[in-house]
Amino acid sequence: MNLMEGTDKMREIQDAPVLALANVESAYGPVKAIRGVSLAVQRGSIATVLGANGAGKTTILKTISGVLDPTRGSIAFKGESIAAMDPAQIVRRGLSHVPEGREVFPLLSVRDNLLMGAYTRRDRDGVARDMEAVYGYFPVLRERAGQDAGLLSGGQQQMLAISRALMAAPELILLDEPSLGLSPKLTKDIFEIVVRINRERGTTILLVEQNANMALNAADYGYVLENGRIVAEDTCAVLREKDDIKEFYLGMKDSGVRGERRWKKRKTWR
């Protein structure tokens, strides 16, 4: 391989998406939850999947992280297949999952929860640096380091869940409904930290979120999921201006006095 070929190969690797799904389907028993989902997440970006309850958003993340095996399709992380791989192996490859509902270890201290996030690592100095980094993002965790995680508020547990994922030093974080059950102020604070993590650490993030306004403002690229299928995708700047997104996800209604009733309207992306 000459120098030119080597340079072209390196450019292809850098330009390739860090995560790519192609025609992925997953099911819970006889119930098909996602149907032919294809999406890509570029390295260093924030991508978001929008959709109503039951659309299949969480199922996508569970299928990527190995919690749920796909029934068909391919999942590539950093160019290698991870479909149906053991979740622990996926974490070791650099992918962390922050699940819906936080799922911290309630009887372990905050500090021990963070150390659990770093269980695959052997670089003690690096772990200590990352511990300081997450305390910098969320100072309240330092204050509560010796407290049982189950005694934290909902917002503090969400901070802990994100920090625990960071302790694995991931290249990609799957973030499931970080605003769930939180006040608007806490939601805003957490989204600001998520954007900081992406910008300062270069961590790629795939975000699943019902709060479409927050997600579209934080992310670079977005997908809309309905009934297990991707029905629209584009940059978030473009999606924010689409009439269907404004009407059905951002709550912005037509200005007409006698506009067409929402339940009668048809989405143009079908």
C-alpha atoms as a PDB file:
ATOM      1  CA  MET A   1       0.000   0.000   0.000  1.00  0.00           C
ATOM      2  CA  ASN A   2       1.479   3.363  -1.044  1.00  0.00           C
ATOM      3  CA  LEU A   3       1.204   6.590   0.942  1.00  0.00           C
ATOM      4  CA  MET A   4      -1.754   7.876  -1.099  1.00  0.00           C
ATOM      5  CA  GLU A   5      -3.704   4.641  -0.622  1.00  0.00           C
ATOM      6  CA  GLY A   6      -2.927   4.687   3.089  1.00  0.00           C
ATOM      7  CA  THR A   7      -4.151   8.279   3.395  1.00  0.00           C
ATOM      8  CA  ASP A   8      -7.379   7.468   1.525  1.00  0.00           C
ATOM      9  CA  LYS A   9      -7.970   4.432   3.751  1.00  0.00           C
ATOM     10  CA  MET A  10      -7.458   6.513   6.896  1.00  0.00           C
ATOM     11  CA  ARG A  11      -9.898   9.141   5.584  1.00  0.00           C
ATOM     12  CA  GLU A  12     -12.534   6.450   4.934  1.00  0.00           C
ATOM     13  CA  ILE A  13     -12.161   5.164   8.497  1.00  0.00           C
ATOM     14  CA  GLN A  14     -12.473   8.680   9.946  1.00  0.00           C
ATOM     15  CA  ASP A  15     -15.533   9.504   7.815  1.00  0.00           C
ATOM     16  CA  ALA A  16     -17.337   6.216   8.500  1.00  0.00           C
ATOM     17  CA  PRO A  17     -20.107   6.331  11.132  1.00  0.00           C
ATOM     18  CA  VAL A  18     -19.068   5.060  14.534  1.00  0.00           C
ATOM     19  CA  LEU A  19     -22.437   3.243  14.763  1.00  0.00           C
ATOM     20  CA  ALA A  20     -24.522   1.920  11.886  1.00  0.00           C
ATOM     21  CA  LEU A  21     -27.766  -0.073  11.948  1.00  0.00           C
ATOM     22  CA  ALA A  22     -29.160  -1.632   8.768  1.00  0.00           C
ATOM     23  CA  ASN A  23     -32.669  -3.127   8.563  1.00  0.00           C
ATOM     24  CA  VAL A  24     -32.692  -4.090  12.250  1.00  0.00           C
ATOM     25  CA  GLU A  25     -35.728  -5.838  13.702  1.00  0.00           C
ATOM     26  CA  SER A  26     -36.312  -6.853  17.332  1.00  0.00           C
ATOM     27  CA  ALA A  27     -39.234  -8.442  19.105  1.00  0.00           C
ATOM     28  CA  TYR A  28     -40.589  -9.259  22.538  1.00  0.00           C
ATOM     29  CA  GLY A  29     -41.878 -12.771  21.971  1.00  0.00           C
ATOM     30  CA  PRO A  30     -44.415 -12.598  19.136  1.00  0.00           C
ATOM     31  CA  VAL A  31     -44.624  -8.789  19.275  1.00  0.00           C
ATOM     32  CA  LYS A  32     -42.337  -7.038  16.794  1.00  0.00           C
ATOM     33  CA  ALA A  33     -41.078  -3.833  18.418  1.00  0.00           C
ATOM     34  CA  ILE A  34     -38.845  -2.318  15.733  1.00  0.00           C
ATOM     35  CA  ARG A  35     -39.200  -2.994  12.019  1.00  0.00           C
ATOM     36  CA  GLY A  36     -36.347  -2.529   9.580  1.00  0.00           C
ATOM     37  CA  VAL A  37     -34.620   0.317  11.435  1.00  0.00           C
ATOM     38  CA  SER A  38     -31.592   1.810   9.697  1.00  0.00           C
ATOM     39  CA  LEU A  39     -29.618   4.691  11.164  1.00  0.00           C
ATOM     40  CA  ALA A  40     -26.063   5.969  11.454  1.00  0.00           C
ATOM     41  CA  VAL A  41     -24.275   8.042  14.088  1.00  0.00           C
ATOM     42  CA  GLN A  42     -21.207  10.007  13.044  1.00  0.00           C
ATOM     43  CA  ARG A  43     -18.169  10.047  15.305  1.00  0.00           C
ATOM     44  CA  GLY A  44     -18.141  12.998  17.715  1.00  0.00           C
ATOM     45  CA  SER A  45     -21.774  13.937  17.066  1.00  0.00           C
ATOM     46  CA  ILE A  46     -25.035  13.832  19.014  1.00  0.00           C
ATOM     47  CA  ALA A  47     -27.840  11.990  17.236  1.00  0.00           C
ATOM     48  CA  THR A  48     -31.370  11.715  18.572  1.00  0.00           C
ATOM     49  CA  VAL A  49     -34.340   9.418  18.044  1.00  0.00           C
ATOM     50  CA  LEU A  50     -37.713  11.062  18.616  1.00  0.00           C
ATOM     51  CA  GLY A  51     -41.004   9.274  19.068  1.00  0.00           C
ATOM     52  CA  ALA A  52     -44.036   8.778  21.264  1.00  0.00           C
ATOM     53  CA  ASN A  53     -44.357   6.217  24.049  1.00  0.00           C
ATOM     54  CA  GLY A  54     -44.334   2.723  22.597  1.00  0.00           C
ATOM     55  CA  ALA A  55     -42.721   3.753  19.311  1.00  0.00           C
ATOM     56  CA  GLY A  56     -39.728   1.486  19.950  1.00  0.00           C
ATOM     57  CA  LYS A  57     -37.064   4.010  20.993  1.00  0.00           C
ATOM     58  CA  THR A  58     -35.871   2.127  24.062  1.00  0.00           C
ATOM     59  CA  THR A  59     -35.902  -1.137  22.101  1.00  0.00           C
ATOM     60  CA  ILE A  60     -33.404   0.330  19.637  1.00  0.00           C
ATOM     61  CA  LEU A  61     -30.962   1.123  22.443  1.00  0.00           C
ATOM     62  CA  LYS A  62     -31.430  -2.264  24.125  1.00  0.00           C
ATOM     63  CA  THR A  63     -30.774  -3.996  20.813  1.00  0.00           C
ATOM     64  CA  ILE A  64     -27.588  -1.999  20.227  1.00  0.00           C
ATOM     65  CA  SER A  65     -26.209  -2.634  23.723  1.00  0.00           C
ATOM     66  CA  GLY A  66     -26.936  -6.366  23.632  1.00  0.00           C
ATOM     67  CA  VAL A  67     -29.734  -6.436  26.204  1.00  0.00           C
ATOM     68  CA  LEU A  68     -32.055  -7.632  23.423  1.00  0.00           C
ATOM     69  CA  ASP A  69     -30.956  -9.744  20.448  1.00  0.00           C
ATOM     70  CA  PRO A  70     -32.062  -8.583  16.988  1.00  0.00           C
ATOM     71  CA  THR A  71     -34.126 -11.010  14.928  1.00  0.00           C
ATOM     72  CA  ARG A  72     -32.623  -9.657  11.709  1.00  0.00           C
ATOM     73  CA  GLY A  73     -30.402  -6.874  10.369  1.00  0.00           C
ATOM     74  CA  SER A  74     -26.870  -5.727  11.152  1.00  0.00           C
ATOM     75  CA  ILE A  75     -25.348  -3.526  13.871  1.00  0.00           C
ATOM     76  CA  ALA A  76     -21.800  -2.252  13.386  1.00  0.00           C
ATOM     77  CA  PHE A  77     -19.795  -0.352  15.993  1.00  0.00           C
ATOM     78  CA  LYS A  78     -16.473   1.090  14.810  1.00  0.00           C
ATOM     79  CA  GLY A  79     -16.835  -1.006  11.673  1.00  0.00           C
ATOM     80  CA  GLU A  80     -17.269  -4.363  13.444  1.00  0.00           C
ATOM     81  CA  SER A  81     -20.449  -6.318  14.051  1.00  0.00           C
ATOM     82  CA  ILE A  82     -21.798  -6.293  17.614  1.00  0.00           C
ATOM     83  CA  ALA A  83     -25.229  -7.788  16.824  1.00  0.00           C
ATOM     84  CA  ALA A  84     -26.259 -10.208  19.597  1.00  0.00           C
ATOM     85  CA  MET A  85     -22.860  -9.826  21.283  1.00  0.00           C
ATOM     86  CA  ASP A  86     -22.654 -10.200  25.074  1.00  0.00           C
ATOM     87  CA  PRO A  87     -23.319  -6.781  26.695  1.00  0.00           C
ATOM     88  CA  ALA A  88     -20.101  -6.942  28.736  1.00  0.00           C
ATOM     89  CA  GLN A  89     -18.079  -7.354  25.547  1.00  0.00           C
ATOM     90  CA  ILE A  90     -19.864  -4.410  23.980  1.00  0.00           C
ATOM     91  CA  VAL A  91     -18.950  -2.238  26.981  1.00  0.00           C
ATOM     92  CA  ARG A  92     -15.319  -3.305  26.664  1.00  0.00           C
ATOM     93  CA  ARG A  93     -15.371  -2.170  23.040  1.00  0.00           C
ATOM     94  CA  GLY A  94     -16.259   1.358  24.150  1.00  0.00           C
ATOM     95  CA  LEU A  95     -20.058   1.597  24.217  1.00  0.00           C
ATOM     96  CA  SER A  96     -21.995   2.498  27.383  1.00  0.00           C
ATOM     97  CA  HIS A  97     -25.756   2.469  27.945  1.00  0.00           C
ATOM     98  CA  VAL A  98     -27.564   4.807  30.353  1.00  0.00           C
ATOM     99  CA  PRO A  99     -30.922   3.034  30.710  1.00  0.00           C
ATOM    100  CA  GLU A 100     -34.357   4.546  31.117  1.00  0.00           C
ATOM    101  CA  GLY A 101     -35.162   4.921  34.812  1.00  0.00           C
ATOM    102  CA  ARG A 102     -31.462   5.335  35.827  1.00  0.00           C
ATOM    103  CA  GLU A 103     -31.102   1.888  37.492  1.00  0.00           C
ATOM    104  CA  VAL A 104     -28.358   2.869  39.909  1.00  0.00           C
ATOM    105  CA  PHE A 105     -27.230   0.395  42.578  1.00  0.00           C
ATOM    106  CA  PRO A 106     -29.328   1.759  45.467  1.00  0.00           C
ATOM    107  CA  LEU A 107     -27.446   0.092  48.346  1.00  0.00           C
ATOM    108  CA  LEU A 108     -24.000   1.069  47.090  1.00  0.00           C
ATOM    109  CA  SER A 109     -22.506   4.479  47.746  1.00  0.00           C
ATOM    110  CA  VAL A 110     -22.289   7.080  45.013  1.00  0.00           C
ATOM    111  CA  ARG A 111     -18.529   6.517  44.792  1.00  0.00           C
ATOM    112  CA  ASP A 112     -18.939   2.738  44.512  1.00  0.00           C
ATOM    113  CA  ASN A 113     -21.555   3.208  41.780  1.00  0.00           C
ATOM    114  CA  LEU A 114     -19.004   5.251  39.859  1.00  0.00           C
ATOM    115  CA  LEU A 115     -16.325   2.613  40.372  1.00  0.00           C
ATOM    116  CA  MET A 116     -18.737  -0.027  39.069  1.00  0.00           C
ATOM    117  CA  GLY A 117     -18.803   1.956  35.836  1.00  0.00           C
ATOM    118  CA  ALA A 118     -15.032   1.544  35.579  1.00  0.00           C
ATOM    119  CA  TYR A 119     -14.951  -2.190  36.304  1.00  0.00           C
ATOM    120  CA  THR A 120     -13.559  -3.029  32.848  1.00  0.00           C
ATOM    121  CA  ARG A 121     -10.593  -0.652  33.249  1.00  0.00           C
ATOM    122  CA  ARG A 122      -7.125  -1.326  34.651  1.00  0.00           C
ATOM    123  CA  ASP A 123      -5.675   2.196  34.391  1.00  0.00           C
ATOM    124  CA  ARG A 124      -5.977   3.463  37.952  1.00  0.00           C
ATOM    125  CA  ASP A 125      -4.642   6.911  37.157  1.00  0.00           C
ATOM    126  CA  GLY A 126      -7.131   7.281  34.312  1.00  0.00           C
ATOM    127  CA  VAL A 127      -9.993   6.158  36.541  1.00  0.00           C
ATOM    128  CA  ALA A 128      -8.976   8.720  39.177  1.00  0.00           C
ATOM    129  CA  ARG A 129      -8.867  11.474  36.545  1.00  0.00           C
ATOM    130  CA  ASP A 130     -12.301  10.533  35.219  1.00  0.00           C
ATOM    131  CA  MET A 131     -13.681  10.463  38.762  1.00  0.00           C
ATOM    132  CA  GLU A 132     -12.532  14.057  39.189  1.00  0.00           C
ATOM    133  CA  ALA A 133     -13.983  14.940  35.783  1.00  0.00           C
ATOM    134  CA  VAL A 134     -17.470  13.657  36.627  1.00  0.00           C
ATOM    135  CA  TYR A 135     -17.339  15.445  39.976  1.00  0.00           C
ATOM    136  CA  GLY A 136     -16.571  18.570  37.949  1.00  0.00           C
ATOM    137  CA  TYR A 137     -19.646  18.045  35.779  1.00  0.00           C
ATOM    138  CA  PHE A 138     -21.866  17.160  38.746  1.00  0.00           C
ATOM    139  CA  PRO A 139     -20.438  18.655  41.996  1.00  0.00           C
ATOM    140  CA  VAL A 140     -23.327  17.285  44.057  1.00  0.00           C
ATOM    141  CA  LEU A 141     -21.973  13.772  43.482  1.00  0.00           C
ATOM    142  CA  ARG A 142     -18.753  14.715  45.284  1.00  0.00           C
ATOM    143  CA  GLU A 143     -20.808  16.061  48.179  1.00  0.00           C
ATOM    144  CA  ARG A 144     -22.809  12.814  48.325  1.00  0.00           C
ATOM    145  CA  ALA A 145     -19.943  10.440  47.472  1.00  0.00           C
ATOM    146  CA  GLY A 146     -20.339   8.373  50.659  1.00  0.00           C
ATOM    147  CA  GLN A 147     -24.164   8.322  50.599  1.00  0.00           C
ATOM    148  CA  ASP A 148     -26.209   5.358  49.373  1.00  0.00           C
ATOM    149  CA  ALA A 149     -27.322   6.013  45.801  1.00  0.00           C
ATOM    150  CA  GLY A 150     -30.895   5.004  46.644  1.00  0.00           C
ATOM    151  CA  LEU A 151     -31.193   8.086  48.866  1.00  0.00           C
ATOM    152  CA  LEU A 152     -30.464  10.513  46.037  1.00  0.00           C
ATOM    153  CA  SER A 153     -33.200  12.519  44.350  1.00  0.00           C
ATOM    154  CA  GLY A 154     -34.350  11.527  40.881  1.00  0.00           C
ATOM    155  CA  GLY A 155     -32.251  14.232  39.254  1.00  0.00           C
ATOM    156  CA  GLN A 156     -29.168  13.272  41.253  1.00  0.00           C
ATOM    157  CA  GLN A 157     -29.643   9.625  40.292  1.00  0.00           C
ATOM    158  CA  GLN A 158     -29.778  10.662  36.626  1.00  0.00           C
ATOM    159  CA  MET A 159     -26.516  12.551  37.100  1.00  0.00           C
ATOM    160  CA  LEU A 160     -25.024   9.444  38.708  1.00  0.00           C
ATOM    161  CA  ALA A 161     -26.215   7.175  35.898  1.00  0.00           C
ATOM    162  CA  ILE A 162     -24.610   9.422  33.261  1.00  0.00           C
ATOM    163  CA  SER A 163     -21.421   9.689  35.315  1.00  0.00           C
ATOM    164  CA  ARG A 164     -21.259   5.919  35.815  1.00  0.00           C
ATOM    165  CA  ALA A 165     -21.377   5.485  32.034  1.00  0.00           C
ATOM    166  CA  LEU A 166     -18.577   8.048  31.621  1.00  0.00           C
ATOM    167  CA  MET A 167     -16.402   6.095  34.043  1.00  0.00           C
ATOM    168  CA  ALA A 168     -16.093   3.342  31.432  1.00  0.00           C
ATOM    169  CA  ALA A 169     -14.326   5.905  29.161  1.00  0.00           C
ATOM    170  CA  PRO A 170     -16.724   5.141  26.291  1.00  0.00           C
ATOM    171  CA  GLU A 171     -16.481   6.345  22.718  1.00  0.00           C
ATOM    172  CA  LEU A 172     -20.282   6.174  22.416  1.00  0.00           C
ATOM    173  CA  ILE A 173     -23.008   6.631  25.032  1.00  0.00           C
ATOM    174  CA  LEU A 174     -26.594   5.466  24.535  1.00  0.00           C
ATOM    175  CA  LEU A 175     -28.727   7.834  26.604  1.00  0.00           C
ATOM    176  CA  ASP A 176     -32.343   6.798  27.223  1.00  0.00           C
ATOM    177  CA  GLU A 177     -34.890   9.444  28.311  1.00  0.00           C
ATOM    178  CA  PRO A 178     -32.630  11.570  30.557  1.00  0.00           C
ATOM    179  CA  SER A 179     -35.506  14.009  31.248  1.00  0.00           C
ATOM    180  CA  LEU A 180     -37.893  11.329  32.548  1.00  0.00           C
ATOM    181  CA  GLY A 181     -39.546  12.498  35.764  1.00  0.00           C
ATOM    182  CA  LEU A 182     -37.373  15.603  36.117  1.00  0.00           C
ATOM    183  CA  SER A 183     -38.338  19.231  36.522  1.00  0.00           C
ATOM    184  CA  PRO A 184     -37.799  21.584  33.548  1.00  0.00           C
ATOM    185  CA  LYS A 185     -34.836  23.223  35.306  1.00  0.00           C
ATOM    186  CA  LEU A 186     -33.105  19.914  36.049  1.00  0.00           C
ATOM    187  CA  THR A 187     -33.789  18.749  32.512  1.00  0.00           C
ATOM    188  CA  LYS A 188     -32.159  21.905  31.135  1.00  0.00           C
ATOM    189  CA  ASP A 189     -29.140  21.486  33.431  1.00  0.00           C
ATOM    190  CA  ILE A 190     -28.606  17.851  32.453  1.00  0.00           C
ATOM    191  CA  PHE A 191     -28.923  18.550  28.738  1.00  0.00           C
ATOM    192  CA  GLU A 192     -26.338  21.323  29.056  1.00  0.00           C
ATOM    193  CA  ILE A 193     -23.934  18.854  30.685  1.00  0.00           C
ATOM    194  CA  VAL A 194     -24.631  16.254  27.982  1.00  0.00           C
ATOM    195  CA  VAL A 195     -23.668  18.799  25.319  1.00  0.00           C
ATOM    196  CA  ARG A 196     -20.540  19.736  27.301  1.00  0.00           C
ATOM    197  CA  ILE A 197     -19.503  16.084  27.537  1.00  0.00           C
ATOM    198  CA  ASN A 198     -19.876  15.758  23.778  1.00  0.00           C
ATOM    199  CA  ARG A 199     -17.989  18.974  22.979  1.00  0.00           C
ATOM    200  CA  GLU A 200     -15.237  18.716  25.601  1.00  0.00           C
ATOM    201  CA  ARG A 201     -14.552  14.974  25.560  1.00  0.00           C
ATOM    202  CA  GLY A 202     -15.543  14.197  21.975  1.00  0.00           C
ATOM    203  CA  THR A 203     -17.880  11.463  23.217  1.00  0.00           C
ATOM    204  CA  THR A 204     -20.436  10.409  20.612  1.00  0.00           C
ATOM    205  CA  ILE A 205     -24.005  10.272  21.949  1.00  0.00           C
ATOM    206  CA  LEU A 206     -27.163   8.567  20.700  1.00  0.00           C
ATOM    207  CA  LEU A 207     -30.029  10.170  22.586  1.00  0.00           C
ATOM    208  CA  VAL A 208     -33.565   8.827  22.930  1.00  0.00           C
ATOM    209  CA  GLU A 209     -35.929  11.466  24.264  1.00  0.00           C
ATOM    210  CA  GLN A 210     -39.617  12.421  24.387  1.00  0.00           C
ATOM    211  CA  ASN A 211     -38.827  16.078  25.005  1.00  0.00           C
ATOM    212  CA  ALA A 212     -38.394  16.862  21.312  1.00  0.00           C
ATOM    213  CA  ASN A 213     -37.566  20.519  21.852  1.00  0.00           C
ATOM    214  CA  MET A 214     -34.625  19.769  24.160  1.00  0.00           C
ATOM    215  CA  ALA A 215     -33.411  16.901  21.982  1.00  0.00           C
ATOM    216  CA  LEU A 216     -33.507  18.856  18.722  1.00  0.00           C
ATOM    217  CA  ASN A 217     -31.651  21.785  20.304  1.00  0.00           C
ATOM    218  CA  ALA A 218     -28.938  19.513  21.738  1.00  0.00           C
ATOM    219  CA  ALA A 219     -28.420  17.103  18.833  1.00  0.00           C
ATOM    220  CA  ASP A 220     -26.869  17.448  15.392  1.00  0.00           C
ATOM    221  CA  TYR A 221     -28.945  14.870  13.505  1.00  0.00           C
ATOM    222  CA  GLY A 222     -32.349  13.374  14.218  1.00  0.00           C
ATOM    223  CA  TYR A 223     -34.577  10.417  13.380  1.00  0.00           C
ATOM    224  CA  VAL A 224     -38.338  10.193  13.912  1.00  0.00           C
ATOM    225  CA  LEU A 225     -39.654   6.770  14.923  1.00  0.00           C
ATOM    226  CA  GLU A 226     -43.300   5.710  14.651  1.00  0.00           C
ATOM    227  CA  ASN A 227     -44.643   2.210  15.280  1.00  0.00           C
ATOM    228  CA  GLY A 228     -41.167   0.734  15.118  1.00  0.00           C
ATOM    229  CA  ARG A 229     -40.175   2.380  11.827  1.00  0.00           C
ATOM    230  CA  ILE A 230     -38.037   5.394  10.946  1.00  0.00           C
ATOM    231  CA  VAL A 231     -40.391   7.769   9.118  1.00  0.00           C
ATOM    232  CA  ALA A 232     -38.165  10.848   8.840  1.00  0.00           C
ATOM    233  CA  GLU A 233     -34.560  11.885   9.287  1.00  0.00           C
ATOM    234  CA  ASP A 234     -32.485  15.029   8.724  1.00  0.00           C
ATOM    235  CA  THR A 235     -30.281  17.513  10.500  1.00  0.00           C
ATOM    236  CA  CYS A 236     -31.944  18.845  13.629  1.00  0.00           C
ATOM    237  CA  ALA A 237     -31.908  22.351  12.173  1.00  0.00           C
ATOM    238  CA  VAL A 238     -34.065  21.117   9.281  1.00  0.00           C
ATOM    239  CA  LEU A 239     -36.330  18.934  11.436  1.00  0.00           C
ATOM    240  CA  ARG A 240     -37.136  21.878  13.720  1.00  0.00           C
ATOM    241  CA  GLU A 241     -38.610  23.710  10.734  1.00  0.00           C
ATOM    242  CA  LYS A 242     -40.771  20.850   9.420  1.00  0.00           C
ATOM    243  CA  ASP A 243     -44.496  21.424   9.886  1.00  0.00           C
ATOM    244  CA  ASP A 244     -45.130  17.880  11.108  1.00  0.00           C
ATOM    245  CA  ILE A 245     -42.407  18.133  13.746  1.00  0.00           C
ATOM    246  CA  LYS A 246     -43.730  21.502  14.903  1.00  0.00           C
ATOM    247  CA  GLU A 247     -47.304  20.211  15.115  1.00  0.00           C
ATOM    248  CA  PHE A 248     -46.887  16.728  16.524  1.00  0.00           C
ATOM    249  CA  TYR A 249     -43.652  16.970  18.540  1.00  0.00           C
ATOM    250  CA  LEU A 250     -43.111  20.617  19.456  1.00  0.00           C
ATOM    251  CA  GLY A 251     -46.762  21.513  20.134  1.00  0.00           C
ATOM    252  CA  MET A 252     -46.744  24.464  17.757  1.00  0.00           C
ATOM    253  CA  LYS A 253     -50.217  24.759  16.220  1.00  0.00           C
ATOM    254  CA  ASP A 254     -51.358  26.530  13.083  1.00  0.00           C
ATOM    255  CA  SER A 255     -52.107  30.221  13.542  1.00  0.00           C
ATOM    256  CA  GLY A 256     -55.486  29.988  11.791  1.00  0.00           C
ATOM    257  CA  VAL A 257     -58.537  30.599  13.961  1.00  0.00           C
ATOM    258  CA  ARG A 258     -60.348  27.502  12.670  1.00  0.00           C
ATOM    259  CA  GLY A 259     -57.390  25.269  11.888  1.00  0.00           C
ATOM    260  CA  GLU A 260     -57.905  21.608  11.059  1.00  0.00           C
ATOM    261  CA  ARG A 261     -58.267  19.452  14.154  1.00  0.00           C
ATOM    262  CA  ARG A 262     -55.050  17.699  15.141  1.00  0.00           C
ATOM    263  CA  TRP A 263     -56.532  14.193  15.102  1.00  0.00           C
ATOM    264  CA  LYS A 264     -57.744  14.727  11.536  1.00  0.00           C
ATOM    265  CA  LYS A 265     -54.412  15.921  10.209  1.00  0.00           C
ATOM    266  CA  ARG A 266     -52.143  13.599   8.247  1.00  0.00           C
ATOM    267  CA  LYS A 267     -48.369  13.631   8.547  1.00  0.00           C
ATOM    268  CA  THR A 268     -46.697  14.428   5.282  1.00  0.00           C
ATOM    269  CA  TRP A 269     -43.695  12.164   5.830  1.00  0.00           C
ATOM    270  CA  ARG A 270     -45.774   9.022   5.262  1.00  0.00           C
END
